[in-house]
C-alpha cells in the first residue's frame, strides 16, 4: 500500500476483520456461546493491557462483505497475529481473522 504524502503525522494501526471460521457450521450453539464468551473475555484482557483500542460486532453482515466483527490493535502485525492465534474462538474455527494495516492522522483513534 502506498501512503500519500500529507502535511500531518500519520500512525498505523492493525485493523482486524472477523468472518465466520472454517468450522462455524459444525460447532453446536452451546459451544459457540461459550467460545464467544471466551473471545469477549480475551478482548477485554487485550483492551485492559493496552493492545486493543476497540472491537465490535457487525450485526448484519452482507453477502458481498461477510465481516462479522472489526477490531483495532496498537500492536505490530506479528503481535496481533499471536494474539488472534491464542483466541479460543479462532483456535476452534468459530471465527477467522484477517489483519490489514490502517493509516490515519495521529491521534484520530486514541
PDB file of N, CA and C in Angstrom:
ATOM      1  N   UNK A   1       0.840  -1.172   0.000  1.00  0.00           N
ATOM      2  CA  UNK A   1       0.000   0.000   0.000  1.00  0.00           C
ATOM      3  C   UNK A   1       0.887   1.237   0.000  1.00  0.00           C
ATOM      4  N   UNK A   2       0.567   2.168  -0.835  1.00  0.00           N
ATOM      5  CA  UNK A   2       1.282   3.427  -0.880  1.00  0.00           C
ATOM      6  C   UNK A   2       0.519   4.447  -0.053  1.00  0.00           C
ATOM      7  N   UNK A   3       1.213   5.032   0.897  1.00  0.00           N
ATOM      8  CA  UNK A   3       0.601   6.053   1.754  1.00  0.00           C
ATOM      9  C   UNK A   3       0.885   7.412   1.130  1.00  0.00           C
ATOM     10  N   UNK A   4      -0.148   8.218   0.897  1.00  0.00           N
ATOM     11  CA  UNK A   4       0.073   9.524   0.276  1.00  0.00           C
ATOM     12  C   UNK A   4       0.851  10.462   1.195  1.00  0.00           C
ATOM     13  N   UNK A   5       1.583  11.381   0.585  1.00  0.00           N
ATOM     14  CA  UNK A   5       2.284  12.397   1.373  1.00  0.00           C
ATOM     15  C   UNK A   5       1.264  13.399   1.881  1.00  0.00           C
ATOM     16  N   UNK A   6       1.355  13.703   3.158  1.00  0.00           N
ATOM     17  CA  UNK A   6       0.447  14.667   3.776  1.00  0.00           C
ATOM     18  C   UNK A   6       1.255  15.591   4.681  1.00  0.00           C
ATOM     19  N   UNK A   7       0.667  16.702   5.069  1.00  0.00           N
ATOM     20  CA  UNK A   7       1.387  17.660   5.909  1.00  0.00           C
ATOM     21  C   UNK A   7       1.048  17.506   7.387  1.00  0.00           C
ATOM     22  N   UNK A   8       0.723  16.283   7.791  1.00  0.00           N
ATOM     23  CA  UNK A   8       0.476  15.973   9.197  1.00  0.00           C
ATOM     24  C   UNK A   8       0.994  14.569   9.467  1.00  0.00           C
ATOM     25  N   UNK A   9       1.164  14.262  10.738  1.00  0.00           N
ATOM     26  CA  UNK A   9       1.742  12.978  11.128  1.00  0.00           C
ATOM     27  C   UNK A   9       0.695  11.864  11.048  1.00  0.00           C
ATOM     28  N   UNK A  10       1.116  10.730  10.512  1.00  0.00           N
ATOM     29  CA  UNK A  10       0.239   9.567  10.395  1.00  0.00           C
ATOM     30  C   UNK A  10       0.654   8.499  11.393  1.00  0.00           C
ATOM     31  N   UNK A  11      -0.273   7.654  11.731  1.00  0.00           N
ATOM     32  CA  UNK A  11       0.056   6.466  12.525  1.00  0.00           C
ATOM     33  C   UNK A  11      -0.646   5.266  11.906  1.00  0.00           C
ATOM     34  N   UNK A  12      -0.028   4.106  12.100  1.00  0.00           N
ATOM     35  CA  UNK A  12      -0.563   2.871  11.542  1.00  0.00           C
ATOM     36  C   UNK A  12      -1.092   1.990  12.653  1.00  0.00           C
ATOM     37  N   UNK A  13      -2.256   1.455  12.439  1.00  0.00           N
ATOM     38  CA  UNK A  13      -2.910   0.527  13.352  1.00  0.00           C
ATOM     39  C   UNK A  13      -3.079  -0.793  12.627  1.00  0.00           C
ATOM     40  N   UNK A  14      -3.440  -1.816  13.359  1.00  0.00           N
ATOM     41  CA  UNK A  14      -3.801  -3.099  12.755  1.00  0.00           C
ATOM     42  C   UNK A  14      -5.315  -3.229  12.874  1.00  0.00           C
ATOM     43  N   UNK A  15      -5.969  -3.249  11.732  1.00  0.00           N
ATOM     44  CA  UNK A  15      -7.408  -3.464  11.711  1.00  0.00           C
ATOM     45  C   UNK A  15      -7.637  -4.946  11.432  1.00  0.00           C
ATOM     46  N   UNK A  16      -8.451  -5.566  12.254  1.00  0.00           N
ATOM     47  CA  UNK A  16      -8.747  -6.987  12.093  1.00  0.00           C
ATOM     48  C   UNK A  16     -10.191  -7.123  11.636  1.00  0.00           C
ATOM     49  N   UNK A  17     -10.375  -7.871  10.568  1.00  0.00           N
ATOM     50  CA  UNK A  17     -11.706  -8.182  10.060  1.00  0.00           C
ATOM     51  C   UNK A  17     -12.009  -9.628  10.424  1.00  0.00           C
ATOM     52  N   UNK A  18     -13.107  -9.831  11.128  1.00  0.00           N
ATOM     53  CA  UNK A  18     -13.510 -11.180  11.527  1.00  0.00           C
ATOM     54  C   UNK A  18     -14.602 -11.689  10.597  1.00  0.00           C
ATOM     55  N   UNK A  19     -14.527 -12.976  10.304  1.00  0.00           N
ATOM     56  CA  UNK A  19     -15.540 -13.663   9.499  1.00  0.00           C
ATOM     57  C   UNK A  19     -15.859 -14.981  10.186  1.00  0.00           C
ATOM     58  N   UNK A  20     -16.912 -15.628   9.716  1.00  0.00           N
ATOM     59  CA  UNK A  20     -17.204 -16.972  10.206  1.00  0.00           C
ATOM     60  C   UNK A  20     -16.010 -17.862   9.869  1.00  0.00           C
ATOM     61  N   UNK A  21     -15.625 -18.693  10.818  1.00  0.00           N
ATOM     62  CA  UNK A  21     -14.473 -19.559  10.629  1.00  0.00           C
ATOM     63  C   UNK A  21     -14.809 -20.831   9.867  1.00  0.00           C
ATOM     64  N   UNK A  22     -13.799 -21.624   9.560  1.00  0.00           N
ATOM     65  CA  UNK A  22     -13.991 -22.828   8.748  1.00  0.00           C
ATOM     66  C   UNK A  22     -14.842 -23.904   9.414  1.00  0.00           C
ATOM     67  N   UNK A  23     -14.968 -23.851  10.728  1.00  0.00           N
ATOM     68  CA  UNK A  23     -15.763 -24.861  11.437  1.00  0.00           C
ATOM     69  C   UNK A  23     -17.038 -24.277  12.043  1.00  0.00           C
ATOM     70  N   UNK A  24     -17.374 -23.036  11.711  1.00  0.00           N
ATOM     71  CA  UNK A  24     -18.514 -22.350  12.334  1.00  0.00           C
ATOM     72  C   UNK A  24     -19.805 -23.157  12.217  1.00  0.00           C
ATOM     73  N   UNK A  25     -20.049 -23.769  11.089  1.00  0.00           N
ATOM     74  CA  UNK A  25     -21.276 -24.539  10.876  1.00  0.00           C
ATOM     75  C   UNK A  25     -21.308 -25.870  11.601  1.00  0.00           C
ATOM     76  N   UNK A  26     -20.165 -26.333  12.081  1.00  0.00           N
ATOM     77  CA  UNK A  26     -20.075 -27.633  12.756  1.00  0.00           C
ATOM     78  C   UNK A  26     -20.165 -27.518  14.274  1.00  0.00           C
ATOM     79  N   UNK A  27     -20.022 -26.322  14.801  1.00  0.00           N
ATOM     80  CA  UNK A  27     -19.964 -26.119  16.252  1.00  0.00           C
ATOM     81  C   UNK A  27     -21.372 -25.929  16.799  1.00  0.00           C
ATOM     82  N   UNK A  28     -21.688 -26.652  17.870  1.00  0.00           N
ATOM     83  CA  UNK A  28     -23.024 -26.544  18.471  1.00  0.00           C
ATOM     84  C   UNK A  28     -23.264 -25.127  18.979  1.00  0.00           C
ATOM     85  N   UNK A  29     -24.538 -24.742  19.088  1.00  0.00           N
ATOM     86  CA  UNK A  29     -24.872 -23.398  19.568  1.00  0.00           C
ATOM     87  C   UNK A  29     -24.365 -23.187  20.992  1.00  0.00           C
ATOM     88  N   UNK A  30     -24.456 -24.214  21.818  1.00  0.00           N
ATOM     89  CA  UNK A  30     -23.966 -24.108  23.201  1.00  0.00           C
ATOM     90  C   UNK A  30     -22.458 -23.846  23.226  1.00  0.00           C
ATOM     91  N   UNK A  31     -21.720 -24.606  22.428  1.00  0.00           N
ATOM     92  CA  UNK A  31     -20.268 -24.418  22.366  1.00  0.00           C
ATOM     93  C   UNK A  31     -19.938 -23.056  21.756  1.00  0.00           C
ATOM     94  N   UNK A  32     -20.693 -22.636  20.749  1.00  0.00           N
ATOM     95  CA  UNK A  32     -20.460 -21.330  20.124  1.00  0.00           C
ATOM     96  C   UNK A  32     -20.646 -20.206  21.146  1.00  0.00           C
ATOM     97  N   UNK A  33     -21.680 -20.311  21.995  1.00  0.00           N
ATOM     98  CA  UNK A  33     -21.894 -19.297  23.041  1.00  0.00           C
ATOM     99  C   UNK A  33     -20.701 -19.243  23.988  1.00  0.00           C
ATOM    100  N   UNK A  34     -20.215 -20.422  24.391  1.00  0.00           N
ATOM    101  CA  UNK A  34     -19.062 -20.478  25.297  1.00  0.00           C
ATOM    102  C   UNK A  34     -17.820 -19.869  24.637  1.00  0.00           C
ATOM    103  N   UNK A  35     -17.607 -20.213  23.373  1.00  0.00           N
ATOM    104  CA  UNK A  35     -16.444 -19.674  22.662  1.00  0.00           C
ATOM    105  C   UNK A  35     -16.547 -18.162  22.484  1.00  0.00           C
ATOM    106  N   UNK A  36     -17.745 -17.658  22.205  1.00  0.00           N
ATOM    107  CA  UNK A  36     -17.934 -16.205  22.081  1.00  0.00           C
ATOM    108  C   UNK A  36     -17.640 -15.506  23.408  1.00  0.00           C
ATOM    109  N   UNK A  37     -18.090 -16.111  24.506  1.00  0.00           N
ATOM    110  CA  UNK A  37     -17.824 -15.530  25.832  1.00  0.00           C
ATOM    111  C   UNK A  37     -16.321 -15.486  26.097  1.00  0.00           C
ATOM    112  N   UNK A  38     -15.620 -16.544  25.745  1.00  0.00           N
ATOM    113  CA  UNK A  38     -14.167 -16.575  25.938  1.00  0.00           C
ATOM    114  C   UNK A  38     -13.465 -15.586  25.001  1.00  0.00           C
ATOM    115  N   UNK A  39     -13.995 -15.445  23.795  1.00  0.00           N
ATOM    116  CA  UNK A  39     -13.474 -14.476  22.825  1.00  0.00           C
ATOM    117  C   UNK A  39     -13.607 -13.055  23.387  1.00  0.00           C
ATOM    118  N   UNK A  40     -14.773 -12.731  23.938  1.00  0.00           N
ATOM    119  CA  UNK A  40     -15.001 -11.405  24.522  1.00  0.00           C
ATOM    120  C   UNK A  40     -14.125 -11.170  25.745  1.00  0.00           C
ATOM    121  N   UNK A  41     -13.937 -12.203  26.553  1.00  0.00           N
ATOM    122  CA  UNK A  41     -13.063 -12.096  27.720  1.00  0.00           C
ATOM    123  C   UNK A  41     -11.629 -11.804  27.280  1.00  0.00           C
ATOM    124  N   UNK A  42     -11.189 -12.493  26.246  1.00  0.00           N
ATOM    125  CA  UNK A  42      -9.850 -12.263  25.706  1.00  0.00           C
ATOM    126  C   UNK A  42      -9.720 -10.827  25.200  1.00  0.00           C
ATOM    127  N   UNK A  43     -10.752 -10.335  24.521  1.00  0.00           N
ATOM    128  CA  UNK A  43     -10.720  -8.960  24.008  1.00  0.00           C
ATOM    129  C   UNK A  43     -10.639  -7.954  25.155  1.00  0.00           C
ATOM    130  N   UNK A  44     -11.400  -8.188  26.207  1.00  0.00           N
ATOM    131  CA  UNK A  44     -11.354  -7.272  27.362  1.00  0.00           C
ATOM    132  C   UNK A  44      -9.962  -7.268  27.992  1.00  0.00           C
ATOM    133  N   UNK A  45      -9.327  -8.443  28.059  1.00  0.00           N
ATOM    134  CA  UNK A  45      -7.966  -8.518  28.605  1.00  0.00           C
ATOM    135  C   UNK A  45      -6.986  -7.738  27.729  1.00  0.00           C
ATOM    136  N   UNK A  46      -7.122  -7.881  26.413  1.00  0.00           N
ATOM    137  CA  UNK A  46      -6.233  -7.156  25.495  1.00  0.00           C
ATOM    138  C   UNK A  46      -6.470  -5.651  25.581  1.00  0.00           C
ATOM    139  N   UNK A  47      -7.719  -5.262  25.786  1.00  0.00           N
ATOM    140  CA  UNK A  47      -8.026  -3.839  25.927  1.00  0.00           C
ATOM    141  C   UNK A  47      -7.429  -3.292  27.225  1.00  0.00           C
ATOM    142  N   UNK A  48      -7.565  -4.039  28.305  1.00  0.00           N
ATOM    143  CA  UNK A  48      -7.002  -3.618  29.595  1.00  0.00           C
ATOM    144  C   UNK A  48      -5.479  -3.520  29.524  1.00  0.00           C
ATOM    145  N   UNK A  49      -4.859  -4.384  28.732  1.00  0.00           N
ATOM    146  CA  UNK A  49      -3.405  -4.374  28.580  1.00  0.00           C
ATOM    147  C   UNK A  49      -2.926  -3.260  27.650  1.00  0.00           C
ATOM    148  N   UNK A  50      -3.862  -2.621  26.940  1.00  0.00           N
ATOM    149  CA  UNK A  50      -3.500  -1.543  26.036  1.00  0.00           C
ATOM    150  C   UNK A  50      -3.205  -1.973  24.613  1.00  0.00           C
ATOM    151  N   UNK A  51      -3.326  -3.258  24.313  1.00  0.00           N
ATOM    152  CA  UNK A  51      -3.060  -3.751  22.959  1.00  0.00           C
ATOM    153  C   UNK A  51      -4.215  -3.481  22.007  1.00  0.00           C
ATOM    154  N   UNK A  52      -5.421  -3.561  22.519  1.00  0.00           N
ATOM    155  CA  UNK A  52      -6.634  -3.409  21.716  1.00  0.00           C
ATOM    156  C   UNK A  52      -7.269  -2.061  22.015  1.00  0.00           C
ATOM    157  N   UNK A  53      -7.494  -1.281  20.979  1.00  0.00           N
ATOM    158  CA  UNK A  53      -8.165   0.005  21.169  1.00  0.00           C
ATOM    159  C   UNK A  53      -9.667  -0.221  21.328  1.00  0.00           C
ATOM    160  N   UNK A  54     -10.279  -0.867  20.336  1.00  0.00           N
ATOM    161  CA  UNK A  54     -11.698  -1.198  20.433  1.00  0.00           C
ATOM    162  C   UNK A  54     -12.029  -2.302  19.451  1.00  0.00           C
ATOM    163  N   UNK A  55     -13.155  -2.943  19.697  1.00  0.00           N
ATOM    164  CA  UNK A  55     -13.645  -4.014  18.830  1.00  0.00           C
ATOM    165  C   UNK A  55     -15.160  -4.029  18.916  1.00  0.00           C
ATOM    166  N   UNK A  56     -15.782  -4.550  17.886  1.00  0.00           N
ATOM    167  CA  UNK A  56     -17.234  -4.653  17.906  1.00  0.00           C
ATOM    168  C   UNK A  56     -17.727  -5.606  16.839  1.00  0.00           C
ATOM    169  N   UNK A  57     -18.980  -5.975  16.977  1.00  0.00           N
ATOM    170  CA  UNK A  57     -19.613  -6.914  16.056  1.00  0.00           C
ATOM    171  C   UNK A  57     -20.324  -6.173  14.929  1.00  0.00           C
ATOM    172  N   UNK A  58     -20.461  -6.848  13.816  1.00  0.00           N
ATOM    173  CA  UNK A  58     -21.279  -6.380  12.698  1.00  0.00           C
ATOM    174  C   UNK A  58     -22.548  -7.218  12.760  1.00  0.00           C
ATOM    175  N   UNK A  59     -23.658  -6.644  13.226  1.00  0.00           N
ATOM    176  CA  UNK A  59     -24.849  -7.447  13.487  1.00  0.00           C
ATOM    177  C   UNK A  59     -25.497  -8.060  12.248  1.00  0.00           C
ATOM    178  N   UNK A  60     -25.340  -7.417  11.096  1.00  0.00           N
ATOM    179  CA  UNK A  60     -25.955  -7.937   9.877  1.00  0.00           C
ATOM    180  C   UNK A  60     -24.943  -7.921   8.735  1.00  0.00           C
ATOM    181  N   UNK A  61     -24.032  -8.906   8.709  1.00  0.00           N
ATOM    182  CA  UNK A  61     -23.044  -8.938   7.629  1.00  0.00           C
ATOM    183  C   UNK A  61     -23.737  -9.117   6.278  1.00  0.00           C
ATOM    184  N   UNK A  62     -23.179  -8.510   5.258  1.00  0.00           N
ATOM    185  CA  UNK A  62     -23.758  -8.649   3.922  1.00  0.00           C
ATOM    186  C   UNK A  62     -23.107  -9.820   3.195  1.00  0.00           C
ATOM    187  N   UNK A  63     -23.773 -10.289   2.157  1.00  0.00           N
ATOM    188  CA  UNK A  63     -23.197 -11.380   1.362  1.00  0.00           C
ATOM    189  C   UNK A  63     -21.929 -10.924   0.659  1.00  0.00           C
ATOM    190  N   UNK A  64     -21.913  -9.681   0.207  1.00  0.00           N
ATOM    191  CA  UNK A  64     -20.748  -9.187  -0.527  1.00  0.00           C
ATOM    192  C   UNK A  64     -19.569  -8.864   0.391  1.00  0.00           C
ATOM    193  N   UNK A  65     -19.846  -8.619   1.672  1.00  0.00           N
ATOM    194  CA  UNK A  65     -18.793  -8.345   2.652  1.00  0.00           C
ATOM    195  C   UNK A  65     -19.177  -9.050   3.953  1.00  0.00           C
ATOM    196  N   UNK A  66     -18.866 -10.345   4.047  1.00  0.00           N
ATOM    197  CA  UNK A  66     -19.334 -11.146   5.190  1.00  0.00           C
ATOM    198  C   UNK A  66     -18.515 -10.960   6.470  1.00  0.00           C
ATOM    199  N   UNK A  67     -18.231  -9.717   6.808  1.00  0.00           N
ATOM    200  CA  UNK A  67     -17.464  -9.407   8.016  1.00  0.00           C
ATOM    201  C   UNK A  67     -18.408  -9.422   9.211  1.00  0.00           C
ATOM    202  N   UNK A  68     -18.047 -10.186  10.243  1.00  0.00           N
ATOM    203  CA  UNK A  68     -18.893 -10.298  11.438  1.00  0.00           C
ATOM    204  C   UNK A  68     -18.395  -9.443  12.597  1.00  0.00           C
ATOM    205  N   UNK A  69     -17.182  -8.898  12.477  1.00  0.00           N
ATOM    206  CA  UNK A  69     -16.638  -8.049  13.526  1.00  0.00           C
ATOM    207  C   UNK A  69     -15.392  -7.327  13.051  1.00  0.00           C
ATOM    208  N   UNK A  70     -15.037  -6.271  13.777  1.00  0.00           N
ATOM    209  CA  UNK A  70     -13.868  -5.456  13.452  1.00  0.00           C
ATOM    210  C   UNK A  70     -13.163  -5.104  14.757  1.00  0.00           C
ATOM    211  N   UNK A  71     -11.839  -5.074  14.720  1.00  0.00           N
ATOM    212  CA  UNK A  71     -11.057  -4.678  15.895  1.00  0.00           C
ATOM    213  C   UNK A  71      -9.870  -3.840  15.434  1.00  0.00           C
ATOM    214  N   UNK A  72      -9.435  -2.920  16.288  1.00  0.00           N
ATOM    215  CA  UNK A  72      -8.259  -2.100  16.016  1.00  0.00           C
ATOM    216  C   UNK A  72      -7.237  -2.335  17.117  1.00  0.00           C
ATOM    217  N   UNK A  73      -6.042  -2.786  16.705  1.00  0.00           N
ATOM    218  CA  UNK A  73      -4.956  -3.084  17.636  1.00  0.00           C
ATOM    219  C   UNK A  73      -3.841  -2.063  17.504  1.00  0.00           C
ATOM    220  N   UNK A  74      -3.151  -1.820  18.628  1.00  0.00           N
ATOM    221  CA  UNK A  74      -1.989  -0.919  18.677  1.00  0.00           C
ATOM    222  C   UNK A  74      -0.685  -1.695  18.493  1.00  0.00           C
ATOM    223  N   UNK A  75      -0.745  -2.935  18.144  1.00  0.00           N
ATOM    224  CA  UNK A  75       0.411  -3.823  18.110  1.00  0.00           C
ATOM    225  C   UNK A  75       0.922  -4.020  16.684  1.00  0.00           C
ATOM    226  N   UNK A  76       2.098  -4.608  16.573  1.00  0.00           N
ATOM    227  CA  UNK A  76       2.644  -4.941  15.258  1.00  0.00           C
ATOM    228  C   UNK A  76       1.800  -6.056  14.638  1.00  0.00           C
ATOM    229  N   UNK A  77       2.018  -6.296  13.359  1.00  0.00           N
ATOM    230  CA  UNK A  77       1.268  -7.371  12.700  1.00  0.00           C
ATOM    231  C   UNK A  77       1.570  -8.723  13.346  1.00  0.00           C
ATOM    232  N   UNK A  78       2.843  -8.984  13.660  1.00  0.00           N
ATOM    233  CA  UNK A  78       3.214 -10.260  14.285  1.00  0.00           C
ATOM    234  C   UNK A  78       2.582 -10.401  15.667  1.00  0.00           C
ATOM    235  N   UNK A  79       2.603  -9.326  16.451  1.00  0.00           N
ATOM    236  CA  UNK A  79       1.981  -9.371  17.782  1.00  0.00           C
ATOM    237  C   UNK A  79       0.470  -9.557  17.673  1.00  0.00           C
ATOM    238  N   UNK A  80      -0.136  -8.878  16.711  1.00  0.00           N
ATOM    239  CA  UNK A  80      -1.585  -9.018  16.507  1.00  0.00           C
ATOM    240  C   UNK A  80      -1.918 -10.451  16.119  1.00  0.00           C
ATOM    241  N   UNK A  81      -1.124 -11.036  15.220  1.00  0.00           N
ATOM    242  CA  UNK A  81      -1.380 -12.424  14.796  1.00  0.00           C
ATOM    243  C   UNK A  81      -1.249 -13.366  15.983  1.00  0.00           C
ATOM    244  N   UNK A  82      -0.264 -13.158  16.831  1.00  0.00           N
ATOM    245  CA  UNK A  82      -0.087 -14.016  18.016  1.00  0.00           C
ATOM    246  C   UNK A  82      -1.291 -13.909  18.950  1.00  0.00           C
ATOM    247  N   UNK A  83      -1.804 -12.702  19.136  1.00  0.00           N
ATOM    248  CA  UNK A  83      -2.994 -12.509  19.977  1.00  0.00           C
ATOM    249  C   UNK A  83      -4.178 -13.258  19.382  1.00  0.00           C
ATOM    250  N   UNK A  84      -4.376 -13.118  18.083  1.00  0.00           N
ATOM    251  CA  UNK A  84      -5.514 -13.771  17.427  1.00  0.00           C
ATOM    252  C   UNK A  84      -5.371 -15.288  17.431  1.00  0.00           C
ATOM    253  N   UNK A  85      -4.156 -15.774  17.226  1.00  0.00           N
ATOM    254  CA  UNK A  85      -3.932 -17.225  17.231  1.00  0.00           C
ATOM    255  C   UNK A  85      -4.210 -17.840  18.593  1.00  0.00           C
ATOM    256  N   UNK A  86      -4.096 -17.050  19.655  1.00  0.00           N
ATOM    257  CA  UNK A  86      -4.368 -17.548  21.012  1.00  0.00           C
ATOM    258  C   UNK A  86      -5.847 -17.444  21.390  1.00  0.00           C
ATOM    259  N   UNK A  87      -6.648 -16.804  20.558  1.00  0.00           N
ATOM    260  CA  UNK A  87      -8.074 -16.617  20.851  1.00  0.00           C
ATOM    261  C   UNK A  87      -8.806 -17.958  20.747  1.00  0.00           C
ATOM    262  N   UNK A  88      -9.546 -18.348  21.790  1.00  0.00           N
ATOM    263  CA  UNK A  88     -10.236 -19.645  21.781  1.00  0.00           C
ATOM    264  C   UNK A  88     -11.210 -19.818  20.615  1.00  0.00           C
ATOM    265  N   UNK A  89     -11.905 -18.765  20.229  1.00  0.00           N
ATOM    266  CA  UNK A  89     -12.869 -18.873  19.128  1.00  0.00           C
ATOM    267  C   UNK A  89     -12.160 -19.080  17.795  1.00  0.00           C
ATOM    268  N   UNK A  90     -11.007 -18.475  17.638  1.00  0.00           N
ATOM    269  CA  UNK A  90     -10.239 -18.673  16.413  1.00  0.00           C
ATOM    270  C   UNK A  90      -9.605 -20.066  16.410  1.00  0.00           C
ATOM    271  N   UNK A  91      -9.077 -20.488  17.547  1.00  0.00           N
ATOM    272  CA  UNK A  91      -8.487 -21.825  17.637  1.00  0.00           C
ATOM    273  C   UNK A  91      -9.507 -22.910  17.296  1.00  0.00           C
ATOM    274  N   UNK A  92     -10.749 -22.719  17.716  1.00  0.00           N
ATOM    275  CA  UNK A  92     -11.799 -23.716  17.475  1.00  0.00           C
ATOM    276  C   UNK A  92     -12.371 -23.637  16.066  1.00  0.00           C
ATOM    277  N   UNK A  93     -12.039 -22.590  15.322  1.00  0.00           N
ATOM    278  CA  UNK A  93     -12.560 -22.440  13.967  1.00  0.00           C
ATOM    279  C   UNK A  93     -13.915 -21.760  13.899  1.00  0.00           C
ATOM    280  N   UNK A  94     -14.389 -21.203  15.013  1.00  0.00           N
ATOM    281  CA  UNK A  94     -15.659 -20.478  15.003  1.00  0.00           C
ATOM    282  C   UNK A  94     -15.521 -19.172  14.222  1.00  0.00           C
ATOM    283  N   UNK A  95     -14.383 -18.518  14.376  1.00  0.00           N
ATOM    284  CA  UNK A  95     -14.108 -17.288  13.639  1.00  0.00           C
ATOM    285  C   UNK A  95     -12.782 -17.414  12.904  1.00  0.00           C
ATOM    286  N   UNK A  96     -12.621 -16.597  11.900  1.00  0.00           N
ATOM    287  CA  UNK A  96     -11.355 -16.464  11.181  1.00  0.00           C
ATOM    288  C   UNK A  96     -11.072 -14.972  11.103  1.00  0.00           C
ATOM    289  N   UNK A  97      -9.816 -14.612  11.014  1.00  0.00           N
ATOM    290  CA  UNK A  97      -9.473 -13.196  11.015  1.00  0.00           C
ATOM    291  C   UNK A  97      -8.485 -12.868   9.914  1.00  0.00           C
ATOM    292  N   UNK A  98      -8.555 -11.622   9.494  1.00  0.00           N
ATOM    293  CA  UNK A  98      -7.616 -11.080   8.517  1.00  0.00           C
ATOM    294  C   UNK A  98      -7.107  -9.758   9.076  1.00  0.00           C
ATOM    295  N   UNK A  99      -5.803  -9.581   9.039  1.00  0.00           N
ATOM    296  CA  UNK A  99      -5.188  -8.356   9.545  1.00  0.00           C
ATOM    297  C   UNK A  99      -4.841  -7.463   8.363  1.00  0.00           C
ATOM    298  N   UNK A 100      -5.248  -6.201   8.449  1.00  0.00           N
ATOM    299  CA  UNK A 100      -4.877  -5.225   7.429  1.00  0.00           C
ATOM    300  C   UNK A 100      -4.361  -3.972   8.127  1.00  0.00           C
ATOM    301  N   UNK A 101      -3.437  -3.296   7.478  1.00  0.00           N
ATOM    302  CA  UNK A 101      -2.952  -2.038   8.025  1.00  0.00           C
ATOM    303  C   UNK A 101      -3.999  -0.950   7.846  1.00  0.00           C
ATOM    304  N   UNK A 102      -4.021  -0.015   8.770  1.00  0.00           N
ATOM    305  CA  UNK A 102      -4.959   1.104   8.720  1.00  0.00           C
ATOM    306  C   UNK A 102      -4.177   2.351   9.094  1.00  0.00           C
ATOM    307  N   UNK A 103      -4.144   3.322   8.209  1.00  0.00           N
ATOM    308  CA  UNK A 103      -3.372   4.539   8.421  1.00  0.00           C
ATOM    309  C   UNK A 103      -4.333   5.716   8.573  1.00  0.00           C
ATOM    310  N   UNK A 104      -4.075   6.535   9.582  1.00  0.00           N
ATOM    311  CA  UNK A 104      -4.915   7.715   9.812  1.00  0.00           C
ATOM    312  C   UNK A 104      -4.079   8.799  10.487  1.00  0.00           C
ATOM    313  N   UNK A 105      -4.587  10.030  10.542  1.00  0.00           N
ATOM    314  CA  UNK A 105      -3.848  11.083  11.229  1.00  0.00           C
ATOM    315  C   UNK A 105      -3.612  10.715  12.695  1.00  0.00           C
ATOM    316  N   UNK A 106      -2.400  10.986  13.176  1.00  0.00           N
ATOM    317  CA  UNK A 106      -2.048  10.678  14.568  1.00  0.00           C
ATOM    318  C   UNK A 106      -3.062  11.318  15.504  1.00  0.00           C
ATOM    319  N   UNK A 107      -3.505  10.516  16.478  1.00  0.00           N
ATOM    320  CA  UNK A 107      -4.457  10.993  17.469  1.00  0.00           C
ATOM    321  C   UNK A 107      -5.916  10.783  17.105  1.00  0.00           C
ATOM    322  N   UNK A 108      -6.183  10.331  15.892  1.00  0.00           N
ATOM    323  CA  UNK A 108      -7.569  10.130  15.469  1.00  0.00           C
ATOM    324  C   UNK A 108      -8.258   9.052  16.286  1.00  0.00           C
ATOM    325  N   UNK A 109      -7.560   7.938  16.510  1.00  0.00           N
ATOM    326  CA  UNK A 109      -8.181   6.802  17.195  1.00  0.00           C
ATOM    327  C   UNK A 109      -7.875   6.741  18.679  1.00  0.00           C
ATOM    328  N   UNK A 110      -6.973   7.491  19.162  1.00  0.00           N
ATOM    329  CA  UNK A 110      -6.704   7.459  20.598  1.00  0.00           C
ATOM    330  C   UNK A 110      -5.269   7.286  20.943  1.00  0.00           C
TER     331      UNK A 110
END
